Amino acid sequence: MASKRRKCRHCGAVGVSRPRGLCGVCYYIPSIRRVYPQMQRQDHEGYRVPQKMPVPTCVLPGPAKIAVLADRYERGELLHHPRDARHREE
């Protein structure tokens, strides 16, 4: 069974290789790129999920961090922040 490759949202060429569902040619034309906003992640029912940057947390990985991640998910935020606390390498 052949795999289905996505087509460019603008020109219909097979082989989406850039963000926004565009092929490489269409993506690098600014007037075309402006027409297609960045696509948002979709949940399992097909609804668009907003992606907001969360506030960094000082909670180290463990049960408390899982609770923080669950709260972020409920608020529709990204699960991880680049400045979240991490285990220290000693």
Protein backbone atom coordinates (compact mmCIF):
# COMPACT_ATOMS: atom_id res chain seq x y z
CA MET A 1 0.00 0.00 0.00
CA ALA A 2 1.47 3.32 -1.05
CA SER A 3 1.73 6.01 1.62
CA LYS A 4 -0.33 9.14 1.10
CA ARG A 5 1.85 12.21 0.89
CA ARG A 6 0.36 15.57 1.66
CA LYS A 7 -0.04 18.08 -1.14
CA CYS A 8 0.93 21.75 -0.99
CA ARG A 9 -1.99 23.88 0.14
CA HIS A 10 -1.25 26.46 -2.58
CA CYS A 11 -0.07 24.76 -5.77
CA GLY A 12 -1.11 21.17 -5.05
CA ALA A 13 2.35 19.73 -5.67
CA VAL A 14 3.01 16.50 -3.83
CA GLY A 15 5.58 16.66 -1.06
CA VAL A 16 4.94 19.25 1.60
CA SER A 17 8.34 20.09 3.01
CA ARG A 18 7.83 23.40 4.79
CA PRO A 19 5.65 24.76 7.59
CA ARG A 20 2.11 25.95 6.86
CA GLY A 21 1.50 22.94 4.61
CA LEU A 22 3.44 24.45 1.70
CA CYS A 23 6.07 23.07 -0.68
CA GLY A 24 9.52 24.63 -0.74
CA VAL A 25 8.78 26.83 -3.78
CA CYS A 26 5.56 28.33 -2.42
CA TYR A 27 6.93 28.80 1.12
CA TYR A 28 9.74 31.09 -0.04
CA ILE A 29 7.39 33.47 -1.89
CA PRO A 30 6.38 35.99 0.81
CA SER A 31 3.06 36.94 -0.78
CA ILE A 32 1.97 33.28 -0.80
CA ARG A 33 3.29 32.57 2.70
CA ARG A 34 1.22 35.47 4.12
CA VAL A 35 -2.00 33.91 2.77
CA TYR A 36 -1.49 30.70 4.78
CA PRO A 37 -1.16 31.27 8.53
CA GLN A 38 0.80 28.83 10.64
CA MET A 39 -1.20 25.70 11.31
CA GLN A 40 -2.05 24.88 14.90
CA ARG A 41 -1.93 21.46 16.48
CA GLN A 42 -5.24 19.61 16.51
CA ASP A 43 -6.58 17.39 19.27
CA HIS A 44 -7.99 13.91 18.68
CA GLU A 45 -11.42 15.31 17.74
CA GLY A 46 -10.03 17.69 15.12
CA TYR A 47 -10.43 20.91 17.10
CA ARG A 48 -7.64 23.44 16.91
CA VAL A 49 -5.68 23.65 20.12
CA PRO A 50 -4.24 27.08 20.99
CA GLN A 51 -0.55 27.02 21.75
CA LYS A 52 0.45 29.60 24.36
CA MET A 53 3.84 29.76 26.04
CA PRO A 54 3.54 28.81 29.73
CA VAL A 55 5.24 30.51 32.66
CA PRO A 56 8.48 28.67 33.56
CA THR A 57 8.33 26.49 36.67
CA CYS A 58 10.97 25.66 39.27
CA VAL A 59 9.38 22.27 40.02
CA LEU A 60 11.81 19.41 39.36
CA PRO A 61 10.69 16.39 37.33
CA GLY A 62 8.51 14.02 39.35
CA PRO A 63 4.89 13.79 40.52
CA ALA A 64 4.63 17.56 41.15
CA LYS A 65 5.90 18.30 37.62
CA ILE A 66 3.27 15.95 36.17
CA ALA A 67 0.60 18.02 37.95
CA VAL A 68 2.08 21.20 36.42
CA LEU A 69 2.02 19.61 32.96
CA ALA A 70 -1.63 18.56 33.44
CA ASP A 71 -2.55 22.15 34.42
CA ARG A 72 -0.78 23.50 31.34
CA TYR A 73 -2.65 21.03 29.13
CA GLU A 74 -5.99 22.07 30.61
CA ARG A 75 -5.19 25.74 29.93
CA GLY A 76 -4.21 24.98 26.33
CA GLU A 77 -0.57 25.92 26.81
CA LEU A 78 2.56 24.26 25.50
CA LEU A 79 3.62 21.55 27.92
CA HIS A 80 7.28 22.55 28.21
CA HIS A 81 9.05 25.87 28.61
CA PRO A 82 12.76 26.17 27.75
CA ARG A 83 13.49 27.62 31.20
CA ASP A 84 11.68 24.92 33.22
CA ALA A 85 13.75 23.36 36.02
CA ARG A 86 15.60 20.16 35.14
CA HIS A 87 17.55 17.54 37.04
CA ARG A 88 21.09 18.70 37.62
CA GLU A 89 23.97 16.65 36.31
CA GLU A 90 26.38 16.03 39.19
